[in-house]
Structures are given as structure tokens and as C-alpha cells.
Amino acid sequence: MLAQQRQQAILERVRSSGGVRVADLVRELGVSDMTIRRDLEVLAERGLLEKVHGGATALGPGSTEEPGFTAKSARQQQEKEAIARRAARLVRPGTAVALSAGTTTWALAHHLIGVPELTVITNSIPVADVFHRTPRADRTVVLTGGVRTPSDALVGPVAVAAVRRLHVDTLFLGVHGMSVRAGFTTPNLLESETDRELVAAAHRLVVPADHTKWNTVGISTIAELTEADVVISDAGLPEDARTELAERAGELIIAEDSQ
């Protein structure tokens, strides 16, 4: 195997699993310890991974990195579907709910199209489109105005003004990341301001977030972990995250694929 092929194989392994050990790569690729360490050095110098003691890890996303809606919707699809299915069970007919922008809230919208007498407030173009394509005479959908972000959220002063005088029973808040230090975060400052208004408008805050959001930190905090009445995640959520969320949020629900 050529050095370039070997380095590509190492990079793919890091990206898929989040990290690698030198000893494992030596065994799997059949080369020396020194060769693997040189490969890791090359990849680290190119900014493709981060060297750590005994191996390497994937680079974490920047605090202002904001992938587009299409790119995000392709990630953790199975986990998001399980979370959305479980979150839908919290919605009763005849209530007012808000869905902020996000691919998990977009998945949730598909599970709410059959709920009667529902009022939906959203600043997400894709979420509003789900309900638009499946109209019901007894449903009201309010799409805030605003400036469109890469994740197809509507944000800024117009969105804030639209939300400020509203009151909803439950907000389902899509987040970029969650951590003990930073709380629930987003990489977009204007979206954070709009989301904080949605939090203020809601009687109950539900955060549907898959396990990859843990210890991911965006530039701006929307809410502290303690402000969430319910956090819904998936079976991949690590034990330390479960402990922290169970202690801080009102309730932690782990959505199983079979639900």
C-alpha cells in the first residue's frame, strides 16, 4: 500500500470512529509503529486530524461552523427518526407547539401531520413546508419572517418581533450542540437570539438532540441545560452525558429504534 493510500485509509477510519490508536493501525495495516506515527504527523500538519498521545482524533467542528440543511439531514438519520417518533408522543391534539429550525425538528414535523387541531409556530422553512404539503383544515401554521440562514432558519429582528408576543404549550428546540459548560448552543448569533425568544414563549422546553451533539459547542448559548424540561436523545448517548443531563434537565428520555 502506498503512503497516500495508507493515509487515506487512516483518515477514513478517524472520521468514521472519531479516533484511532497507533497500536491498532500497526496491526491492521501491517506497517511499523514509526510509519504510522509519520502518517499521523503528515495528516495533522495538513489539518485533517488531531494527534493525541498514542493515536489521533477527528477534529471537532468550529464554534461558528454551520452546515447546510441538506448536509445535516444526511447525518444520524436513524437516531433522528427514533428521537422524532418519541418526541411526537408528547404532543396532544388542540395544543400550540413551536418547532425551531433543525433536521431533527424537521423529522418530528412528519410525525405531527396527523395531529388534529394543532397550531404550529416555526422559523424553519423546511418544517413549514412539511405541513404545507399535507394541509389540514383544522391546523394553523405560522412561519416567522426573517433572514434565511444556511440551515434554512429565519432569524433576525423580524423573526424576533414575530415570536415575542406569542405563547405556546411546548417548544421543540433544535440545537447544534449541548454541554455542561455552554448549555444548548448554535453556531449562528442571530439564530441564537431568535431561539431565545422561542424559549421565552414556551411553557415547556423539549430538546430533541442525538448523541453527536454532546460536547459540541456553538458560539452562542440558547439556554442552559437546567432550562430544559425534557431532553430526548438516542442509545448512543454516552454514560457521562446521561448522568449530567439526568441531573440537570427535568427529564432525560432515551429513544430506542424499536419505539
C-alpha atoms as a PDB file:
ATOM      1  CA  MET A   1       0.000   0.000   0.000  1.00  0.00           C
ATOM      2  CA  LEU A   2       1.340   3.401  -0.980  1.00  0.00           C
ATOM      3  CA  ALA A   3       1.755   6.086   1.675  1.00  0.00           C
ATOM      4  CA  GLN A   4      -1.060   8.148   0.164  1.00  0.00           C
ATOM      5  CA  GLN A   5      -3.419   5.167   0.176  1.00  0.00           C
ATOM      6  CA  ARG A   6      -2.459   4.309   3.749  1.00  0.00           C
ATOM      7  CA  GLN A   7      -3.024   7.872   4.934  1.00  0.00           C
ATOM      8  CA  GLN A   8      -6.418   7.963   3.234  1.00  0.00           C
ATOM      9  CA  ALA A   9      -7.360   4.720   4.987  1.00  0.00           C
ATOM     10  CA  ILE A  10      -6.260   6.192   8.319  1.00  0.00           C
ATOM     11  CA  LEU A  11      -8.259   9.366   7.707  1.00  0.00           C
ATOM     12  CA  GLU A  12     -11.404   7.430   6.809  1.00  0.00           C
ATOM     13  CA  ARG A  13     -11.029   5.366   9.983  1.00  0.00           C
ATOM     14  CA  VAL A  14     -10.673   8.514  12.110  1.00  0.00           C
ATOM     15  CA  ARG A  15     -13.704  10.156  10.515  1.00  0.00           C
ATOM     16  CA  SER A  16     -15.896   7.078  10.922  1.00  0.00           C
ATOM     17  CA  SER A  17     -14.959   6.197  14.504  1.00  0.00           C
ATOM     18  CA  GLY A  18     -13.834   9.550  15.863  1.00  0.00           C
ATOM     19  CA  GLY A  19     -10.348   8.372  16.762  1.00  0.00           C
ATOM     20  CA  VAL A  20      -7.654   5.723  16.277  1.00  0.00           C
ATOM     21  CA  ARG A  21      -4.832   4.158  18.268  1.00  0.00           C
ATOM     22  CA  VAL A  22      -1.370   3.736  16.804  1.00  0.00           C
ATOM     23  CA  ALA A  23      -1.203   0.125  18.006  1.00  0.00           C
ATOM     24  CA  ASP A  24      -4.451  -0.751  16.212  1.00  0.00           C
ATOM     25  CA  LEU A  25      -3.290   0.840  12.954  1.00  0.00           C
ATOM     26  CA  VAL A  26       0.046  -1.013  13.130  1.00  0.00           C
ATOM     27  CA  ARG A  27      -1.823  -4.302  13.416  1.00  0.00           C
ATOM     28  CA  GLU A  28      -4.462  -3.536  10.791  1.00  0.00           C
ATOM     29  CA  LEU A  29      -2.181  -2.002   8.145  1.00  0.00           C
ATOM     30  CA  GLY A  30       0.844  -4.234   8.733  1.00  0.00           C
ATOM     31  CA  VAL A  31       3.411  -1.477   8.981  1.00  0.00           C
ATOM     32  CA  SER A  32       5.737  -0.233  11.698  1.00  0.00           C
ATOM     33  CA  ASP A  33       4.891   1.987  14.614  1.00  0.00           C
ATOM     34  CA  MET A  34       7.182   4.683  13.205  1.00  0.00           C
ATOM     35  CA  THR A  35       5.444   4.588   9.816  1.00  0.00           C
ATOM     36  CA  ILE A  36       2.041   5.131  11.392  1.00  0.00           C
ATOM     37  CA  ARG A  37       3.337   7.991  13.511  1.00  0.00           C
ATOM     38  CA  ARG A  38       4.802   9.666  10.415  1.00  0.00           C
ATOM     39  CA  ASP A  39       1.450   9.249   8.635  1.00  0.00           C
ATOM     40  CA  LEU A  40      -0.370  10.842  11.542  1.00  0.00           C
ATOM     41  CA  GLU A  41       2.123  13.694  11.577  1.00  0.00           C
ATOM     42  CA  VAL A  42       1.526  14.343   7.875  1.00  0.00           C
ATOM     43  CA  LEU A  43      -2.256  14.302   8.297  1.00  0.00           C
ATOM     44  CA  ALA A  44      -2.069  16.555  11.361  1.00  0.00           C
ATOM     45  CA  GLU A  45       0.127  19.079   9.524  1.00  0.00           C
ATOM     46  CA  ARG A  46      -2.484  19.186   6.756  1.00  0.00           C
ATOM     47  CA  GLY A  47      -5.154  19.989   9.347  1.00  0.00           C
ATOM     48  CA  LEU A  48      -7.085  16.765   8.742  1.00  0.00           C
ATOM     49  CA  LEU A  49      -6.900  15.270  12.246  1.00  0.00           C
ATOM     50  CA  GLU A  50      -5.510  15.976  15.699  1.00  0.00           C
ATOM     51  CA  LYS A  51      -2.615  13.982  17.134  1.00  0.00           C
ATOM     52  CA  VAL A  52      -3.030  12.819  20.706  1.00  0.00           C
ATOM     53  CA  HIS A  53      -0.971  10.576  22.965  1.00  0.00           C
ATOM     54  CA  GLY A  54      -0.988   7.093  21.434  1.00  0.00           C
ATOM     55  CA  GLY A  55      -3.087   7.952  18.396  1.00  0.00           C
ATOM     56  CA  ALA A  56      -5.249  10.606  16.767  1.00  0.00           C
ATOM     57  CA  THR A  57      -8.770  12.011  16.921  1.00  0.00           C
ATOM     58  CA  ALA A  58     -11.112  13.708  14.484  1.00  0.00           C
ATOM     59  CA  LEU A  59     -11.157  17.474  14.510  1.00  0.00           C
ATOM     60  CA  GLY A  60     -14.146  18.922  16.337  1.00  0.00           C
ATOM     61  CA  PRO A  61     -16.369  21.355  14.449  1.00  0.00           C
ATOM     62  CA  GLY A  62     -15.624  25.039  14.868  1.00  0.00           C
ATOM     63  CA  SER A  63     -17.939  27.081  17.065  1.00  0.00           C
ATOM     64  CA  THR A  64     -19.186  29.050  14.046  1.00  0.00           C
ATOM     65  CA  GLU A  65     -19.354  26.177  11.542  1.00  0.00           C
ATOM     66  CA  GLU A  66     -22.898  25.912  10.216  1.00  0.00           C
ATOM     67  CA  PRO A  67     -23.519  23.066   7.736  1.00  0.00           C
ATOM     68  CA  GLY A  68     -26.409  23.463   5.318  1.00  0.00           C
ATOM     69  CA  PHE A  69     -29.756  21.761   5.875  1.00  0.00           C
ATOM     70  CA  THR A  70     -29.137  19.080   3.212  1.00  0.00           C
ATOM     71  CA  ALA A  71     -25.754  18.146   4.670  1.00  0.00           C
ATOM     72  CA  LYS A  72     -27.125  17.894   8.205  1.00  0.00           C
ATOM     73  CA  SER A  73     -30.183  15.909   7.185  1.00  0.00           C
ATOM     74  CA  ALA A  74     -27.933  13.089   5.934  1.00  0.00           C
ATOM     75  CA  ARG A  75     -26.346  12.627   9.374  1.00  0.00           C
ATOM     76  CA  GLN A  76     -27.611  10.226  12.088  1.00  0.00           C
ATOM     77  CA  GLN A  77     -30.856   9.608  10.198  1.00  0.00           C
ATOM     78  CA  GLN A  78     -31.817   6.510  12.176  1.00  0.00           C
ATOM     79  CA  GLU A  79     -31.211   8.216  15.510  1.00  0.00           C
ATOM     80  CA  LYS A  80     -33.114  11.342  14.494  1.00  0.00           C
ATOM     81  CA  GLU A  81     -36.066   9.278  13.334  1.00  0.00           C
ATOM     82  CA  ALA A  82     -36.220   7.437  16.671  1.00  0.00           C
ATOM     83  CA  ILE A  83     -35.992  10.716  18.577  1.00  0.00           C
ATOM     84  CA  ALA A  84     -38.676  12.350  16.422  1.00  0.00           C
ATOM     85  CA  ARG A  85     -41.025   9.398  16.857  1.00  0.00           C
ATOM     86  CA  ARG A  86     -40.631   9.577  20.637  1.00  0.00           C
ATOM     87  CA  ALA A  87     -40.983  13.353  20.733  1.00  0.00           C
ATOM     88  CA  ALA A  88     -44.268  13.198  18.810  1.00  0.00           C
ATOM     89  CA  ARG A  89     -45.798  11.294  21.720  1.00  0.00           C
ATOM     90  CA  LEU A  90     -45.513  14.470  23.810  1.00  0.00           C
ATOM     91  CA  VAL A  91     -47.883  16.406  21.542  1.00  0.00           C
ATOM     92  CA  ARG A  92     -51.604  16.417  22.299  1.00  0.00           C
ATOM     93  CA  PRO A  93     -54.391  17.459  19.899  1.00  0.00           C
ATOM     94  CA  GLY A  94     -55.598  21.008  20.272  1.00  0.00           C
ATOM     95  CA  THR A  95     -52.306  22.442  21.549  1.00  0.00           C
ATOM     96  CA  ALA A  96     -49.883  25.071  20.279  1.00  0.00           C
ATOM     97  CA  VAL A  97     -46.331  23.928  19.627  1.00  0.00           C
ATOM     98  CA  ALA A  98     -43.234  25.636  18.304  1.00  0.00           C
ATOM     99  CA  LEU A  99     -40.583  23.865  16.249  1.00  0.00           C
ATOM    100  CA  SER A 100     -37.303  25.684  15.814  1.00  0.00           C
ATOM    101  CA  ALA A 101     -35.071  25.049  12.822  1.00  0.00           C
ATOM    102  CA  GLY A 102     -33.161  21.787  12.582  1.00  0.00           C
ATOM    103  CA  THR A 103     -33.160  18.413  10.893  1.00  0.00           C
ATOM    104  CA  THR A 104     -34.455  16.604  13.991  1.00  0.00           C
ATOM    105  CA  THR A 105     -37.377  19.022  14.335  1.00  0.00           C
ATOM    106  CA  TRP A 106     -37.962  18.565  10.599  1.00  0.00           C
ATOM    107  CA  ALA A 107     -38.172  14.801  11.188  1.00  0.00           C
ATOM    108  CA  LEU A 108     -40.576  15.471  14.049  1.00  0.00           C
ATOM    109  CA  ALA A 109     -42.834  17.549  11.795  1.00  0.00           C
ATOM    110  CA  HIS A 110     -43.519  14.455   9.677  1.00  0.00           C
ATOM    111  CA  HIS A 111     -44.875  12.695  12.765  1.00  0.00           C
ATOM    112  CA  LEU A 112     -47.195  15.587  13.634  1.00  0.00           C
ATOM    113  CA  ILE A 113     -49.059  15.928  10.351  1.00  0.00           C
ATOM    114  CA  GLY A 114     -51.877  13.701  11.626  1.00  0.00           C
ATOM    115  CA  VAL A 115     -52.401  15.507  14.941  1.00  0.00           C
ATOM    116  CA  PRO A 116     -55.793  17.291  14.873  1.00  0.00           C
ATOM    117  CA  GLU A 117     -56.405  20.924  15.810  1.00  0.00           C
ATOM    118  CA  LEU A 118     -52.701  21.706  16.073  1.00  0.00           C
ATOM    119  CA  THR A 119     -51.198  25.191  15.946  1.00  0.00           C
ATOM    120  CA  VAL A 120     -47.570  25.211  14.826  1.00  0.00           C
ATOM    121  CA  ILE A 121     -45.156  28.136  15.155  1.00  0.00           C
ATOM    122  CA  THR A 122     -41.852  27.728  13.319  1.00  0.00           C
ATOM    123  CA  ASN A 123     -38.934  29.716  11.956  1.00  0.00           C
ATOM    124  CA  SER A 124     -37.897  26.781   9.757  1.00  0.00           C
ATOM    125  CA  ILE A 125     -38.718  26.830   6.054  1.00  0.00           C
ATOM    126  CA  PRO A 126     -38.403  23.009   5.696  1.00  0.00           C
ATOM    127  CA  VAL A 127     -40.621  22.408   8.747  1.00  0.00           C
ATOM    128  CA  ALA A 128     -43.305  24.748   7.411  1.00  0.00           C
ATOM    129  CA  ASP A 129     -43.087  23.019   4.041  1.00  0.00           C
ATOM    130  CA  VAL A 130     -43.847  19.618   5.616  1.00  0.00           C
ATOM    131  CA  PHE A 131     -47.169  20.948   6.887  1.00  0.00           C
ATOM    132  CA  HIS A 132     -47.830  22.903   3.687  1.00  0.00           C
ATOM    133  CA  ARG A 133     -47.577  19.718   1.618  1.00  0.00           C
ATOM    134  CA  THR A 134     -50.062  17.898   3.882  1.00  0.00           C
ATOM    135  CA  PRO A 135     -52.754  20.506   4.608  1.00  0.00           C
ATOM    136  CA  ARG A 136     -55.489  20.108   7.230  1.00  0.00           C
ATOM    137  CA  ALA A 137     -58.440  22.459   7.706  1.00  0.00           C
ATOM    138  CA  ASP A 138     -58.055  22.248  11.493  1.00  0.00           C
ATOM    139  CA  ARG A 139     -54.342  23.119  11.550  1.00  0.00           C
ATOM    140  CA  THR A 140     -52.759  26.574  11.754  1.00  0.00           C
ATOM    141  CA  VAL A 141     -49.118  27.069  10.760  1.00  0.00           C
ATOM    142  CA  VAL A 142     -47.331  30.339  11.472  1.00  0.00           C
ATOM    143  CA  LEU A 143     -43.991  30.846   9.701  1.00  0.00           C
ATOM    144  CA  THR A 144     -41.997  33.749  11.078  1.00  0.00           C
ATOM    145  CA  GLY A 145     -40.346  36.093   8.659  1.00  0.00           C
ATOM    146  CA  GLY A 146     -36.676  36.935   8.854  1.00  0.00           C
ATOM    147  CA  VAL A 147     -33.302  36.464   7.235  1.00  0.00           C
ATOM    148  CA  ARG A 148     -32.543  32.971   5.947  1.00  0.00           C
ATOM    149  CA  THR A 149     -29.515  31.106   7.362  1.00  0.00           C
ATOM    150  CA  PRO A 150     -27.529  28.230   5.782  1.00  0.00           C
ATOM    151  CA  SER A 151     -29.643  25.813   7.844  1.00  0.00           C
ATOM    152  CA  ASP A 152     -32.861  27.319   6.386  1.00  0.00           C
ATOM    153  CA  ALA A 153     -33.841  29.084   9.598  1.00  0.00           C
ATOM    154  CA  LEU A 154     -35.479  32.505   9.547  1.00  0.00           C
ATOM    155  CA  VAL A 155     -33.758  34.773  12.071  1.00  0.00           C
ATOM    156  CA  GLY A 156     -33.103  38.373  12.970  1.00  0.00           C
ATOM    157  CA  PRO A 157     -35.286  41.296  14.116  1.00  0.00           C
ATOM    158  CA  VAL A 158     -38.320  40.336  12.024  1.00  0.00           C
ATOM    159  CA  ALA A 159     -38.338  36.780  13.411  1.00  0.00           C
ATOM    160  CA  VAL A 160     -37.786  38.027  16.958  1.00  0.00           C
ATOM    161  CA  ALA A 161     -40.665  40.502  16.677  1.00  0.00           C
ATOM    162  CA  ALA A 162     -42.957  37.779  15.322  1.00  0.00           C
ATOM    163  CA  VAL A 163     -42.212  35.425  18.229  1.00  0.00           C
ATOM    164  CA  ARG A 164     -42.100  37.963  21.046  1.00  0.00           C
ATOM    165  CA  ARG A 165     -45.870  38.219  21.657  1.00  0.00           C
ATOM    166  CA  LEU A 166     -46.642  34.535  21.164  1.00  0.00           C
ATOM    167  CA  HIS A 167     -47.224  31.828  23.783  1.00  0.00           C
ATOM    168  CA  VAL A 168     -47.008  28.096  23.089  1.00  0.00           C
ATOM    169  CA  ASP A 169     -47.509  24.980  25.144  1.00  0.00           C
ATOM    170  CA  THR A 170     -44.312  23.246  24.030  1.00  0.00           C
ATOM    171  CA  LEU A 171     -41.184  24.258  22.155  1.00  0.00           C
ATOM    172  CA  PHE A 172     -39.141  21.578  20.405  1.00  0.00           C
ATOM    173  CA  LEU A 173     -35.727  23.210  20.181  1.00  0.00           C
ATOM    174  CA  GLY A 174     -33.213  22.008  17.611  1.00  0.00           C
ATOM    175  CA  VAL A 175     -29.633  22.584  18.759  1.00  0.00           C
ATOM    176  CA  HIS A 176     -26.157  22.452  17.273  1.00  0.00           C
ATOM    177  CA  GLY A 177     -24.597  21.208  20.482  1.00  0.00           C
ATOM    178  CA  MET A 178     -25.022  20.694  24.205  1.00  0.00           C
ATOM    179  CA  SER A 179     -22.521  20.637  27.049  1.00  0.00           C
ATOM    180  CA  VAL A 180     -22.327  21.232  30.775  1.00  0.00           C
ATOM    181  CA  ARG A 181     -20.217  24.352  30.296  1.00  0.00           C
ATOM    182  CA  ALA A 182     -22.062  26.018  27.419  1.00  0.00           C
ATOM    183  CA  GLY A 183     -25.572  24.562  27.626  1.00  0.00           C
ATOM    184  CA  PHE A 184     -27.555  24.307  24.381  1.00  0.00           C
ATOM    185  CA  THR A 185     -25.779  26.194  21.619  1.00  0.00           C
ATOM    186  CA  THR A 186     -25.896  27.311  17.994  1.00  0.00           C
ATOM    187  CA  PRO A 187     -23.166  28.496  15.590  1.00  0.00           C
ATOM    188  CA  ASN A 188     -25.314  31.426  14.421  1.00  0.00           C
ATOM    189  CA  LEU A 189     -25.619  34.526  16.615  1.00  0.00           C
ATOM    190  CA  LEU A 190     -28.866  35.742  15.058  1.00  0.00           C
ATOM    191  CA  GLU A 191     -30.414  32.277  15.311  1.00  0.00           C
ATOM    192  CA  SER A 192     -29.490  32.164  18.974  1.00  0.00           C
ATOM    193  CA  GLU A 193     -31.385  35.402  19.592  1.00  0.00           C
ATOM    194  CA  THR A 194     -34.456  34.078  17.784  1.00  0.00           C
ATOM    195  CA  ASP A 195     -34.288  30.754  19.615  1.00  0.00           C
ATOM    196  CA  ARG A 196     -34.090  32.501  22.983  1.00  0.00           C
ATOM    197  CA  GLU A 197     -37.349  34.270  22.158  1.00  0.00           C
ATOM    198  CA  LEU A 198     -38.910  30.892  21.348  1.00  0.00           C
ATOM    199  CA  VAL A 199     -37.715  29.534  24.697  1.00  0.00           C
ATOM    200  CA  ALA A 200     -39.275  32.513  26.477  1.00  0.00           C
ATOM    201  CA  ALA A 201     -42.568  31.931  24.642  1.00  0.00           C
ATOM    202  CA  ALA A 202     -42.885  28.274  25.696  1.00  0.00           C
ATOM    203  CA  HIS A 203     -44.461  26.755  28.764  1.00  0.00           C
ATOM    204  CA  ARG A 204     -42.394  23.584  28.250  1.00  0.00           C
ATOM    205  CA  LEU A 205     -38.970  23.218  26.595  1.00  0.00           C
ATOM    206  CA  VAL A 206     -38.170  19.902  24.892  1.00  0.00           C
ATOM    207  CA  VAL A 207     -34.750  19.422  23.293  1.00  0.00           C
ATOM    208  CA  PRO A 208     -34.531  16.540  20.786  1.00  0.00           C
ATOM    209  CA  ALA A 209     -30.794  16.019  20.192  1.00  0.00           C
ATOM    210  CA  ASP A 210     -28.868  12.970  19.027  1.00  0.00           C
ATOM    211  CA  HIS A 211     -25.740  11.757  20.811  1.00  0.00           C
ATOM    212  CA  THR A 212     -23.307  13.541  18.449  1.00  0.00           C
ATOM    213  CA  LYS A 213     -24.480  16.876  19.871  1.00  0.00           C
ATOM    214  CA  TRP A 214     -22.944  16.101  23.269  1.00  0.00           C
ATOM    215  CA  ASN A 215     -19.849  18.231  23.960  1.00  0.00           C
ATOM    216  CA  THR A 216     -20.286  20.043  20.647  1.00  0.00           C
ATOM    217  CA  VAL A 217     -20.240  23.775  21.331  1.00  0.00           C
ATOM    218  CA  GLY A 218     -21.534  26.537  19.084  1.00  0.00           C
ATOM    219  CA  ILE A 219     -20.531  30.154  19.503  1.00  0.00           C
ATOM    220  CA  SER A 220     -23.727  31.238  21.261  1.00  0.00           C
ATOM    221  CA  THR A 221     -25.755  29.750  24.115  1.00  0.00           C
ATOM    222  CA  ILE A 222     -29.518  29.476  23.647  1.00  0.00           C
ATOM    223  CA  ALA A 223     -30.375  28.027  27.050  1.00  0.00           C
ATOM    224  CA  GLU A 224     -28.733  26.280  29.970  1.00  0.00           C
ATOM    225  CA  LEU A 225     -29.190  22.533  30.414  1.00  0.00           C
ATOM    226  CA  THR A 226     -31.264  23.227  33.527  1.00  0.00           C
ATOM    227  CA  GLU A 227     -33.842  25.124  31.454  1.00  0.00           C
ATOM    228  CA  ALA A 228     -34.886  22.004  29.519  1.00  0.00           C
ATOM    229  CA  ASP A 229     -37.963  20.235  30.840  1.00  0.00           C
ATOM    230  CA  VAL A 230     -37.206  17.221  28.637  1.00  0.00           C
ATOM    231  CA  VAL A 231     -34.153  16.129  26.626  1.00  0.00           C
ATOM    232  CA  ILE A 232     -34.684  13.316  24.127  1.00  0.00           C
ATOM    233  CA  SER A 233     -31.595  11.571  22.777  1.00  0.00           C
ATOM    234  CA  ASP A 234     -30.660   8.151  21.417  1.00  0.00           C
ATOM    235  CA  ALA A 235     -28.972   4.990  22.655  1.00  0.00           C
ATOM    236  CA  GLY A 236     -25.565   6.252  21.518  1.00  0.00           C
ATOM    237  CA  LEU A 237     -25.514   8.915  24.231  1.00  0.00           C
ATOM    238  CA  PRO A 238     -22.513   8.155  26.486  1.00  0.00           C
ATOM    239  CA  GLU A 239     -22.968   7.392  30.163  1.00  0.00           C
ATOM    240  CA  ASP A 240     -21.350  10.590  31.385  1.00  0.00           C
ATOM    241  CA  ALA A 241     -23.748  12.599  29.245  1.00  0.00           C
ATOM    242  CA  ARG A 242     -26.718  10.643  30.594  1.00  0.00           C
ATOM    243  CA  THR A 243     -25.616  11.364  34.142  1.00  0.00           C
ATOM    244  CA  GLU A 244     -25.127  15.079  33.526  1.00  0.00           C
ATOM    245  CA  LEU A 245     -28.396  15.522  31.637  1.00  0.00           C
ATOM    246  CA  ALA A 246     -30.393  13.458  34.132  1.00  0.00           C
ATOM    247  CA  GLU A 247     -29.093  15.674  36.951  1.00  0.00           C
ATOM    248  CA  ARG A 248     -29.637  18.993  35.179  1.00  0.00           C
ATOM    249  CA  ALA A 249     -32.625  18.651  32.837  1.00  0.00           C
ATOM    250  CA  GLY A 250     -36.112  17.929  34.120  1.00  0.00           C
ATOM    251  CA  GLU A 251     -36.221  14.548  32.370  1.00  0.00           C
ATOM    252  CA  LEU A 252     -33.951  12.576  30.049  1.00  0.00           C
ATOM    253  CA  ILE A 253     -35.593  10.195  27.574  1.00  0.00           C
ATOM    254  CA  ILE A 254     -33.565   7.725  25.529  1.00  0.00           C
ATOM    255  CA  ALA A 255     -35.413   6.921  22.305  1.00  0.00           C
ATOM    256  CA  GLU A 256     -34.985   3.330  21.133  1.00  0.00           C
ATOM    257  CA  ASP A 257     -35.119   2.399  17.459  1.00  0.00           C
ATOM    258  CA  SER A 258     -37.888  -0.109  18.137  1.00  0.00           C
ATOM    259  CA  GLN A 259     -40.244   2.524  19.553  1.00  0.00           C
END
